[in-house]
Amino acid sequence: MSSNAQEQPASGLLEIKAGSVNLLNIKLLDADAESIAAQLAHKVRKAPEFFRNAPIVIDLSGLRDPDSPIDFGKLLPMLRTLGLSPVGVRGGSEMLHCTAAVAGLAVLADVRPDPSPKDGAKTTAAPTVARGSTKLIDYPVRSGQRIYAAGGDLIVLAPVSAGAELMADGHIHIYSSLRGRALAGVQGNLESRIFCLDLQAELIAIGGQYQISENLEESIRGKPVQVFLRDDVLIIEDL
């Protein structure tokens, strides 16, 4: 047998495919690792299931001082102690990219927002944001189940139990009761909305902005509502 044949690796051991993963985006405004970890710990305590084992991207584009060094060697263990899994950074200076790479983080390309409509252009109340196919679920979503509509909207015609999770890159429509979690715009599309006929959710989120059950007003519980973002604030309105 030739040496070339001996050096060829065995085939059929793996496959490489493009995929989509729900990455939580954490935008840093300051470079103080201990202060960041303390503030994030407070948020994690409010919604532990939302953050549990969540892969996160650290967004450096909002730093007040873009030249401030960040001690990733201190920050990353703190984040992992909170149950988060930092995988990369986005935005920021080349210096920060270098220090992040040394710490074992990937440097991801910036996400460029869609151009804003020109003055006088008409906008709709519920814009179409997803270009992929719509996923339709016509059976009850049980506790422990997770359904993700990658690149499109998610429509659910049956009840969603506590402990279940719905995720979509676009809108989420629930034509029944929502007792679990619903996360729209999980890839960062802030125009996504959640529509629900009976809101009793454990958690609702759009583009990383979220509210948990304890913070929902009694006036909207059990009612048909729509959820959307306005000036980075999660708004819940009657339908």
Foldseek 3Di string as FASTA:
>chain_A
DDPVVVPDDDPDPDDDDDDDDQAAEAEDQEQDLVVVLVVVLVVCVQPVVVAAAHEYEYEDANHPDLPDEHDCVVNQVSCVVSRYHYAAYEDGDPVNRVNRVVVPHHYDYDDDDDDDDDPPDDDDPQDADFDDDEAEAEDEAEAPAEEEAERHEYEYADEYADNYEYEYCAEYEYNAEEAYEYEYNSVQDQSHKYWYAAYNYQKYYYRNAIDGNVPDDPVCGGHTWMWHDDPNHIDIDGD
